[in-house]
Amino acid sequence: MTTTIALAGKGGVGKTTIAAMIIKYLAQTQRGAILAIDADPSSNLNMVLGLDLEWTVGDIREGLLDKVKESLMAGGAAMGALDGGLTKREYLDYEVRAALSEGSRFDLIAMGRSEGPGCYCAVNHNLREVVDSISKNYRYVVIDNEAGMEHLSRRTTRDVEVLLVVSDATQRGIVAAERIAAFRHELDININAAYLILNNVPGGVIPAPLQARADQLDLPLLGAVPGDEKLVEFEFSGRPLVELGDDSPVYQAVAAMMGQIL
């Protein structure tokens, strides 16, 4: 059985940092392989995981459309096979698996750039099936989403066991988190549980006004993540965040939350 954990939140609140700490926790405490899916077009999850990234699913999608155009210009059929008799689904399956960045305990797929002009419906459907097929081979899937969640159901048809909405420690951040969380009721996938995480909270202690505002949400507050000077040093140097020590207050906070929900 595959457990899928998805993260959402506005830009700049630290979703990718939290995702890295979750993957570190799973790798150290849970059995089974882990697949990280970077669904943010900026594609920088690989940096915090210490993995190389040569190309993305977005690059593969655009490459397929170019091949289809070439086939049409040469008199081929839009829904037919590509050169060599390869179907579009077979082409996508091969290319996505080849684009997989492999680590010792976790692998990475980066979705990359968003769609350009043209019709992507059939291609996105095939890509979603390919990503779902690959995901079945992993015990855990962690999806780092872009700012909103409107594209989550276009990335996967899998149920999401846990949705984590990340906010900074501000009233505006919590309002944005509330709006993002509301999208979950409109998605075509089932989300079993959803929680709020407040990130970069000074001292890890939530101020009373923020606590009161969070208590009003249709989203249980899972916990708070404090700031960490060591993490800042890692960010400056570009060192992978998964190499943070277990004594890091950021890692300890995220590990405690994962212990509650897994």
C-alpha atoms as a PDB file:
ATOM      1  CA  MET A   1       0.000   0.000   0.000  1.00  0.00           C
ATOM      2  CA  THR A   2       1.253   3.466  -0.911  1.00  0.00           C
ATOM      3  CA  THR A   3       0.796   6.380   1.502  1.00  0.00           C
ATOM      4  CA  THR A   4       0.652   9.767  -0.233  1.00  0.00           C
ATOM      5  CA  ILE A   5       1.506  12.977   1.619  1.00  0.00           C
ATOM      6  CA  ALA A   6       0.916  16.266  -0.205  1.00  0.00           C
ATOM      7  CA  LEU A   7       2.060  19.745   0.800  1.00  0.00           C
ATOM      8  CA  ALA A   8       0.429  23.010  -0.229  1.00  0.00           C
ATOM      9  CA  GLY A   9       0.736  26.666   0.689  1.00  0.00           C
ATOM     10  CA  LYS A  10       1.511  30.043  -0.789  1.00  0.00           C
ATOM     11  CA  GLY A  11       4.949  30.705  -2.193  1.00  0.00           C
ATOM     12  CA  GLY A  12       7.804  31.332   0.216  1.00  0.00           C
ATOM     13  CA  VAL A  13       6.338  29.709   3.339  1.00  0.00           C
ATOM     14  CA  GLY A  14       8.809  26.815   3.369  1.00  0.00           C
ATOM     15  CA  LYS A  15       6.877  23.928   1.785  1.00  0.00           C
ATOM     16  CA  THR A  16      10.009  22.526   0.210  1.00  0.00           C
ATOM     17  CA  THR A  17      11.893  22.667   3.512  1.00  0.00           C
ATOM     18  CA  ILE A  18       9.069  20.819   5.286  1.00  0.00           C
ATOM     19  CA  ALA A  19       8.949  18.284   2.419  1.00  0.00           C
ATOM     20  CA  ALA A  20      12.678  17.642   2.821  1.00  0.00           C
ATOM     21  CA  MET A  21      12.295  17.062   6.558  1.00  0.00           C
ATOM     22  CA  ILE A  22       9.382  14.668   5.973  1.00  0.00           C
ATOM     23  CA  ILE A  23      11.447  12.682   3.468  1.00  0.00           C
ATOM     24  CA  LYS A  24      14.394  12.630   5.903  1.00  0.00           C
ATOM     25  CA  TYR A  25      12.083  11.330   8.639  1.00  0.00           C
ATOM     26  CA  LEU A  26      10.554   8.635   6.428  1.00  0.00           C
ATOM     27  CA  ALA A  27      13.981   7.502   5.208  1.00  0.00           C
ATOM     28  CA  GLN A  28      15.275   7.172   8.763  1.00  0.00           C
ATOM     29  CA  THR A  29      12.263   5.663  10.518  1.00  0.00           C
ATOM     30  CA  GLN A  30      10.054   3.858   7.990  1.00  0.00           C
ATOM     31  CA  ARG A  31      10.522   0.836   5.802  1.00  0.00           C
ATOM     32  CA  GLY A  32      10.081   0.973   2.053  1.00  0.00           C
ATOM     33  CA  ALA A  33      11.157   3.275  -0.770  1.00  0.00           C
ATOM     34  CA  ILE A  34      10.073   6.908  -1.012  1.00  0.00           C
ATOM     35  CA  LEU A  35       9.134   8.856  -4.134  1.00  0.00           C
ATOM     36  CA  ALA A  36       9.331  12.657  -4.029  1.00  0.00           C
ATOM     37  CA  ILE A  37       7.268  14.477  -6.651  1.00  0.00           C
ATOM     38  CA  ASP A  38       8.214  18.102  -7.239  1.00  0.00           C
ATOM     39  CA  ALA A  39       5.023  19.635  -8.646  1.00  0.00           C
ATOM     40  CA  ASP A  40       6.321  23.192  -8.443  1.00  0.00           C
ATOM     41  CA  PRO A  41       7.424  24.617 -11.830  1.00  0.00           C
ATOM     42  CA  SER A  42      10.501  26.139 -10.169  1.00  0.00           C
ATOM     43  CA  SER A  43      11.738  22.559  -9.551  1.00  0.00           C
ATOM     44  CA  ASN A  44      14.177  22.982  -6.643  1.00  0.00           C
ATOM     45  CA  LEU A  45      13.214  20.034  -4.432  1.00  0.00           C
ATOM     46  CA  ASN A  46      16.179  18.164  -5.909  1.00  0.00           C
ATOM     47  CA  MET A  47      18.559  20.695  -4.327  1.00  0.00           C
ATOM     48  CA  VAL A  48      17.328  20.121  -0.774  1.00  0.00           C
ATOM     49  CA  LEU A  49      17.425  16.354  -1.372  1.00  0.00           C
ATOM     50  CA  GLY A  50      20.921  16.369  -2.875  1.00  0.00           C
ATOM     51  CA  LEU A  51      19.803  14.815  -6.183  1.00  0.00           C
ATOM     52  CA  ASP A  52      20.730  15.770  -9.735  1.00  0.00           C
ATOM     53  CA  LEU A  53      17.948  16.891 -12.068  1.00  0.00           C
ATOM     54  CA  GLU A  54      18.634  16.604 -15.795  1.00  0.00           C
ATOM     55  CA  TRP A  55      15.135  17.069 -17.190  1.00  0.00           C
ATOM     56  CA  THR A  56      11.544  17.278 -16.049  1.00  0.00           C
ATOM     57  CA  VAL A  57       8.171  15.841 -17.000  1.00  0.00           C
ATOM     58  CA  GLY A  58       7.371  19.234 -18.541  1.00  0.00           C
ATOM     59  CA  ASP A  59      10.365  18.861 -20.855  1.00  0.00           C
ATOM     60  CA  ILE A  60       9.190  15.363 -21.795  1.00  0.00           C
ATOM     61  CA  ARG A  61       5.658  16.599 -22.483  1.00  0.00           C
ATOM     62  CA  GLU A  62       6.902  19.356 -24.776  1.00  0.00           C
ATOM     63  CA  GLY A  63       9.237  16.903 -26.502  1.00  0.00           C
ATOM     64  CA  LEU A  64       6.321  14.579 -27.230  1.00  0.00           C
ATOM     65  CA  LEU A  65       4.226  17.386 -28.694  1.00  0.00           C
ATOM     66  CA  ASP A  66       7.135  18.335 -30.947  1.00  0.00           C
ATOM     67  CA  LYS A  67       7.334  14.732 -32.139  1.00  0.00           C
ATOM     68  CA  VAL A  68       3.586  14.686 -32.807  1.00  0.00           C
ATOM     69  CA  LYS A  69       3.889  17.871 -34.865  1.00  0.00           C
ATOM     70  CA  GLU A  70       6.753  16.361 -36.860  1.00  0.00           C
ATOM     71  CA  SER A  71       4.682  13.229 -37.443  1.00  0.00           C
ATOM     72  CA  LEU A  72       1.722  15.290 -38.669  1.00  0.00           C
ATOM     73  CA  MET A  73       3.914  17.285 -41.040  1.00  0.00           C
ATOM     74  CA  ALA A  74       5.226  13.998 -42.401  1.00  0.00           C
ATOM     75  CA  GLY A  75       1.690  12.733 -42.978  1.00  0.00           C
ATOM     76  CA  GLY A  76       1.314  10.696 -39.754  1.00  0.00           C
ATOM     77  CA  ALA A  77      -1.822  10.425 -37.637  1.00  0.00           C
ATOM     78  CA  ALA A  78      -2.190  12.526 -34.493  1.00  0.00           C
ATOM     79  CA  MET A  79      -3.391   9.561 -32.475  1.00  0.00           C
ATOM     80  CA  GLY A  80      -1.114   7.039 -34.124  1.00  0.00           C
ATOM     81  CA  ALA A  81       2.311   5.715 -33.288  1.00  0.00           C
ATOM     82  CA  LEU A  82       5.502   7.725 -33.261  1.00  0.00           C
ATOM     83  CA  ASP A  83       8.587   6.866 -35.254  1.00  0.00           C
ATOM     84  CA  GLY A  84       9.564   3.248 -34.718  1.00  0.00           C
ATOM     85  CA  GLY A  85       6.012   2.169 -33.877  1.00  0.00           C
ATOM     86  CA  LEU A  86       6.184   3.544 -30.325  1.00  0.00           C
ATOM     87  CA  THR A  87       2.850   4.689 -28.892  1.00  0.00           C
ATOM     88  CA  LYS A  88       2.618   7.985 -27.038  1.00  0.00           C
ATOM     89  CA  ARG A  89       1.971   6.177 -23.764  1.00  0.00           C
ATOM     90  CA  GLU A  90       5.033   3.970 -24.289  1.00  0.00           C
ATOM     91  CA  TYR A  91       7.155   7.006 -25.143  1.00  0.00           C
ATOM     92  CA  LEU A  92       6.027   8.865 -22.009  1.00  0.00           C
ATOM     93  CA  ASP A  93       6.507   5.826 -19.784  1.00  0.00           C
ATOM     94  CA  TYR A  94      10.061   5.296 -21.018  1.00  0.00           C
ATOM     95  CA  GLU A  95      11.042   8.962 -20.819  1.00  0.00           C
ATOM     96  CA  VAL A  96       9.556   9.606 -17.357  1.00  0.00           C
ATOM     97  CA  ARG A  97      11.277   6.535 -15.917  1.00  0.00           C
ATOM     98  CA  ALA A  98      14.529   7.678 -17.509  1.00  0.00           C
ATOM     99  CA  ALA A  99      14.066  11.135 -15.947  1.00  0.00           C
ATOM    100  CA  LEU A 100      13.722   9.662 -12.453  1.00  0.00           C
ATOM    101  CA  SER A 101      16.497  10.938 -10.159  1.00  0.00           C
ATOM    102  CA  GLU A 102      17.522   8.016  -7.969  1.00  0.00           C
ATOM    103  CA  GLY A 103      18.870   8.196  -4.436  1.00  0.00           C
ATOM    104  CA  SER A 104      19.695   5.528  -1.865  1.00  0.00           C
ATOM    105  CA  ARG A 105      16.345   5.688  -0.027  1.00  0.00           C
ATOM    106  CA  PHE A 106      14.323   8.126  -2.085  1.00  0.00           C
ATOM    107  CA  ASP A 107      13.817   8.981  -5.751  1.00  0.00           C
ATOM    108  CA  LEU A 108      12.525  12.156  -7.395  1.00  0.00           C
ATOM    109  CA  ILE A 109      10.266  13.091 -10.284  1.00  0.00           C
ATOM    110  CA  ALA A 110      10.064  16.803 -11.151  1.00  0.00           C
ATOM    111  CA  MET A 111       6.964  17.972 -13.034  1.00  0.00           C
ATOM    112  CA  GLY A 112       8.697  21.116 -14.305  1.00  0.00           C
ATOM    113  CA  ARG A 113       7.284  23.876 -16.437  1.00  0.00           C
ATOM    114  CA  SER A 114       3.580  24.397 -16.975  1.00  0.00           C
ATOM    115  CA  GLU A 115       1.822  23.905 -20.288  1.00  0.00           C
ATOM    116  CA  GLY A 116       2.362  26.255 -23.192  1.00  0.00           C
ATOM    117  CA  PRO A 117      -0.194  27.055 -25.910  1.00  0.00           C
ATOM    118  CA  GLY A 118      -2.044  24.107 -27.425  1.00  0.00           C
ATOM    119  CA  CYS A 119      -4.096  21.119 -26.299  1.00  0.00           C
ATOM    120  CA  TYR A 120      -2.549  19.058 -23.512  1.00  0.00           C
ATOM    121  CA  CYS A 121      -5.561  17.060 -22.323  1.00  0.00           C
ATOM    122  CA  ALA A 122      -4.588  13.697 -23.854  1.00  0.00           C
ATOM    123  CA  VAL A 123      -0.920  14.115 -22.969  1.00  0.00           C
ATOM    124  CA  ASN A 124      -1.679  15.092 -19.365  1.00  0.00           C
ATOM    125  CA  HIS A 125      -4.009  12.097 -19.021  1.00  0.00           C
ATOM    126  CA  ASN A 126      -1.250   9.743 -20.170  1.00  0.00           C
ATOM    127  CA  LEU A 127       1.305  11.452 -17.943  1.00  0.00           C
ATOM    128  CA  ARG A 128      -0.953  11.115 -14.925  1.00  0.00           C
ATOM    129  CA  GLU A 129      -1.330   7.393 -15.588  1.00  0.00           C
ATOM    130  CA  VAL A 130       2.430   7.003 -15.993  1.00  0.00           C
ATOM    131  CA  VAL A 131       3.203   8.840 -12.739  1.00  0.00           C
ATOM    132  CA  ASP A 132       0.531   6.822 -10.907  1.00  0.00           C
ATOM    133  CA  SER A 133       1.967   3.589 -12.291  1.00  0.00           C
ATOM    134  CA  ILE A 134       5.449   4.516 -11.062  1.00  0.00           C
ATOM    135  CA  SER A 135       4.084   5.615  -7.663  1.00  0.00           C
ATOM    136  CA  LYS A 136       2.663   2.164  -6.982  1.00  0.00           C
ATOM    137  CA  ASN A 137       6.199   0.848  -6.556  1.00  0.00           C
ATOM    138  CA  TYR A 138       6.832   3.081  -3.519  1.00  0.00           C
ATOM    139  CA  ARG A 139       5.716   2.815   0.090  1.00  0.00           C
ATOM    140  CA  TYR A 140       5.507   6.594   0.458  1.00  0.00           C
ATOM    141  CA  VAL A 141       4.910   9.391  -2.043  1.00  0.00           C
ATOM    142  CA  VAL A 142       5.573  12.990  -0.968  1.00  0.00           C
ATOM    143  CA  ILE A 143       4.214  15.689  -3.313  1.00  0.00           C
ATOM    144  CA  ASP A 144       5.555  19.236  -3.030  1.00  0.00           C
ATOM    145  CA  ASN A 145       2.919  21.343  -4.794  1.00  0.00           C
ATOM    146  CA  GLU A 146       3.030  24.778  -6.308  1.00  0.00           C
ATOM    147  CA  ALA A 147       1.416  27.700  -4.454  1.00  0.00           C
ATOM    148  CA  GLY A 148      -2.151  26.414  -4.806  1.00  0.00           C
ATOM    149  CA  MET A 149      -3.700  22.974  -5.183  1.00  0.00           C
ATOM    150  CA  GLU A 150      -5.719  23.449  -8.344  1.00  0.00           C
ATOM    151  CA  HIS A 151      -3.289  21.290 -10.328  1.00  0.00           C
ATOM    152  CA  LEU A 152      -2.985  18.448  -7.818  1.00  0.00           C
ATOM    153  CA  SER A 153      -5.704  16.322  -9.431  1.00  0.00           C
ATOM    154  CA  ARG A 154      -3.959  16.796 -12.787  1.00  0.00           C
ATOM    155  CA  ARG A 155      -0.751  15.306 -11.339  1.00  0.00           C
ATOM    156  CA  THR A 156      -2.235  12.179  -9.815  1.00  0.00           C
ATOM    157  CA  THR A 157      -5.455  10.215  -9.501  1.00  0.00           C
ATOM    158  CA  ARG A 158      -4.213   8.641  -6.287  1.00  0.00           C
ATOM    159  CA  ASP A 159      -5.955   9.302  -2.992  1.00  0.00           C
ATOM    160  CA  VAL A 160      -4.014  11.579  -0.665  1.00  0.00           C
ATOM    161  CA  GLU A 161      -3.808  10.212   2.855  1.00  0.00           C
ATOM    162  CA  VAL A 162      -2.448  13.426   4.381  1.00  0.00           C
ATOM    163  CA  LEU A 163      -2.592  17.007   3.087  1.00  0.00           C
ATOM    164  CA  LEU A 164      -0.336  19.468   4.918  1.00  0.00           C
ATOM    165  CA  VAL A 165      -1.068  23.152   4.338  1.00  0.00           C
ATOM    166  CA  VAL A 166       1.978  25.200   5.321  1.00  0.00           C
ATOM    167  CA  SER A 167       1.746  28.821   6.462  1.00  0.00           C
ATOM    168  CA  ASP A 168       4.164  31.359   7.835  1.00  0.00           C
ATOM    169  CA  ALA A 169       3.516  32.756  11.309  1.00  0.00           C
ATOM    170  CA  THR A 170       1.345  35.702  10.246  1.00  0.00           C
ATOM    171  CA  GLN A 171      -2.360  36.486  10.145  1.00  0.00           C
ATOM    172  CA  ARG A 172      -2.112  36.993   6.373  1.00  0.00           C
ATOM    173  CA  GLY A 173      -0.415  33.640   6.003  1.00  0.00           C
ATOM    174  CA  ILE A 174      -3.164  31.850   7.893  1.00  0.00           C
ATOM    175  CA  VAL A 175      -5.835  33.546   5.757  1.00  0.00           C
ATOM    176  CA  ALA A 176      -4.008  32.381   2.615  1.00  0.00           C
ATOM    177  CA  ALA A 177      -3.727  28.867   4.058  1.00  0.00           C
ATOM    178  CA  GLU A 178      -7.462  28.849   4.746  1.00  0.00           C
ATOM    179  CA  ARG A 179      -8.233  29.768   1.136  1.00  0.00           C
ATOM    180  CA  ILE A 180      -5.840  27.152  -0.207  1.00  0.00           C
ATOM    181  CA  ALA A 181      -7.258  24.490   2.095  1.00  0.00           C
ATOM    182  CA  ALA A 182     -10.759  25.251   0.824  1.00  0.00           C
ATOM    183  CA  PHE A 183      -9.682  24.026  -2.631  1.00  0.00           C
ATOM    184  CA  ARG A 184      -9.447  20.484  -1.299  1.00  0.00           C
ATOM    185  CA  HIS A 185     -13.223  20.168  -1.391  1.00  0.00           C
ATOM    186  CA  GLU A 186     -13.197  20.867  -5.155  1.00  0.00           C
ATOM    187  CA  LEU A 187     -10.543  18.346  -6.217  1.00  0.00           C
ATOM    188  CA  ASP A 188     -11.288  15.122  -8.079  1.00  0.00           C
ATOM    189  CA  ILE A 189      -9.252  13.085  -5.597  1.00  0.00           C
ATOM    190  CA  ASN A 190     -10.022  11.944  -2.079  1.00  0.00           C
ATOM    191  CA  ILE A 191      -8.086  13.548   0.786  1.00  0.00           C
ATOM    192  CA  ASN A 192      -8.369  11.532   3.972  1.00  0.00           C
ATOM    193  CA  ALA A 193      -6.957  14.093   6.425  1.00  0.00           C
ATOM    194  CA  ALA A 194      -5.725  17.678   6.237  1.00  0.00           C
ATOM    195  CA  TYR A 195      -3.690  19.724   8.721  1.00  0.00           C
ATOM    196  CA  LEU A 196      -2.174  23.176   9.118  1.00  0.00           C
ATOM    197  CA  ILE A 197       1.540  23.648   9.874  1.00  0.00           C
ATOM    198  CA  LEU A 198       2.925  27.018  10.959  1.00  0.00           C
ATOM    199  CA  ASN A 199       6.511  27.404   9.800  1.00  0.00           C
ATOM    200  CA  ASN A 200       9.384  29.556  11.047  1.00  0.00           C
ATOM    201  CA  VAL A 201       7.654  30.385  14.332  1.00  0.00           C
ATOM    202  CA  PRO A 202      10.046  32.276  16.665  1.00  0.00           C
ATOM    203  CA  GLY A 203      11.011  29.919  19.449  1.00  0.00           C
ATOM    204  CA  GLY A 204       8.428  27.423  18.234  1.00  0.00           C
ATOM    205  CA  VAL A 205       5.812  29.085  20.461  1.00  0.00           C
ATOM    206  CA  ILE A 206       2.673  30.213  18.636  1.00  0.00           C
ATOM    207  CA  PRO A 207       1.521  33.693  19.729  1.00  0.00           C
ATOM    208  CA  ALA A 208      -1.969  33.709  21.242  1.00  0.00           C
ATOM    209  CA  PRO A 209      -3.595  35.780  18.435  1.00  0.00           C
ATOM    210  CA  LEU A 210      -2.280  33.345  15.787  1.00  0.00           C
ATOM    211  CA  GLN A 211      -3.401  30.372  17.852  1.00  0.00           C
ATOM    212  CA  ALA A 212      -6.881  31.884  18.161  1.00  0.00           C
ATOM    213  CA  ARG A 213      -7.060  32.491  14.405  1.00  0.00           C
ATOM    214  CA  ALA A 214      -5.829  28.992  13.592  1.00  0.00           C
ATOM    215  CA  ASP A 215      -8.436  27.501  15.916  1.00  0.00           C
ATOM    216  CA  GLN A 216     -11.142  29.029  13.728  1.00  0.00           C
ATOM    217  CA  LEU A 217     -10.082  27.123  10.622  1.00  0.00           C
ATOM    218  CA  ASP A 218     -11.674  24.026   9.143  1.00  0.00           C
ATOM    219  CA  LEU A 219      -8.187  22.591   9.411  1.00  0.00           C
ATOM    220  CA  PRO A 220      -6.609  21.200  12.599  1.00  0.00           C
ATOM    221  CA  LEU A 221      -3.302  22.793  13.603  1.00  0.00           C
ATOM    222  CA  LEU A 222      -0.741  19.993  13.560  1.00  0.00           C
ATOM    223  CA  GLY A 223       2.122  21.983  15.017  1.00  0.00           C
ATOM    224  CA  ALA A 224       4.704  24.732  14.683  1.00  0.00           C
ATOM    225  CA  VAL A 225       8.206  24.621  13.203  1.00  0.00           C
ATOM    226  CA  PRO A 226      10.763  26.992  14.781  1.00  0.00           C
ATOM    227  CA  GLY A 227      13.489  28.867  12.982  1.00  0.00           C
ATOM    228  CA  ASP A 228      16.977  27.342  12.851  1.00  0.00           C
ATOM    229  CA  GLU A 229      20.235  29.198  12.197  1.00  0.00           C
ATOM    230  CA  LYS A 230      21.859  25.964  11.024  1.00  0.00           C
ATOM    231  CA  LEU A 231      19.192  25.584   8.344  1.00  0.00           C
ATOM    232  CA  VAL A 232      19.933  29.137   7.190  1.00  0.00           C
ATOM    233  CA  GLU A 233      23.599  28.207   6.863  1.00  0.00           C
ATOM    234  CA  PHE A 234      22.638  25.218   4.715  1.00  0.00           C
ATOM    235  CA  GLU A 235      20.500  27.457   2.508  1.00  0.00           C
ATOM    236  CA  PHE A 236      23.374  29.917   2.023  1.00  0.00           C
ATOM    237  CA  SER A 237      25.836  27.175   1.101  1.00  0.00           C
ATOM    238  CA  GLY A 238      23.433  25.105  -1.015  1.00  0.00           C
ATOM    239  CA  ARG A 239      24.032  22.038   1.116  1.00  0.00           C
ATOM    240  CA  PRO A 240      21.124  19.515   0.943  1.00  0.00           C
ATOM    241  CA  LEU A 241      18.730  20.043   3.846  1.00  0.00           C
ATOM    242  CA  VAL A 242      18.307  16.296   4.338  1.00  0.00           C
ATOM    243  CA  GLU A 243      21.838  16.385   5.754  1.00  0.00           C
ATOM    244  CA  LEU A 244      20.688  18.503   8.707  1.00  0.00           C
ATOM    245  CA  GLY A 245      21.443  16.764  11.985  1.00  0.00           C
ATOM    246  CA  ASP A 246      18.734  14.989  13.920  1.00  0.00           C
ATOM    247  CA  ASP A 247      19.230  17.575  16.658  1.00  0.00           C
ATOM    248  CA  SER A 248      17.959  20.346  14.361  1.00  0.00           C
ATOM    249  CA  PRO A 249      14.865  21.932  15.925  1.00  0.00           C
ATOM    250  CA  VAL A 250      13.273  22.053  12.468  1.00  0.00           C
ATOM    251  CA  TYR A 251      13.754  18.333  11.946  1.00  0.00           C
ATOM    252  CA  GLN A 252      12.661  17.482  15.478  1.00  0.00           C
ATOM    253  CA  ALA A 253       9.439  19.502  15.070  1.00  0.00           C
ATOM    254  CA  VAL A 254       8.565  17.860  11.752  1.00  0.00           C
ATOM    255  CA  ALA A 255       9.503  14.401  13.059  1.00  0.00           C
ATOM    256  CA  ALA A 256       7.173  14.882  16.049  1.00  0.00           C
ATOM    257  CA  MET A 257       4.315  15.819  13.700  1.00  0.00           C
ATOM    258  CA  MET A 258       4.941  12.823  11.469  1.00  0.00           C
ATOM    259  CA  GLY A 259       4.946  10.625  14.557  1.00  0.00           C
ATOM    260  CA  GLN A 260       1.447  11.878  15.336  1.00  0.00           C
ATOM    261  CA  ILE A 261      -0.110  11.179  11.938  1.00  0.00           C
ATOM    262  CA  LEU A 262       1.698   8.053  10.672  1.00  0.00           C
END
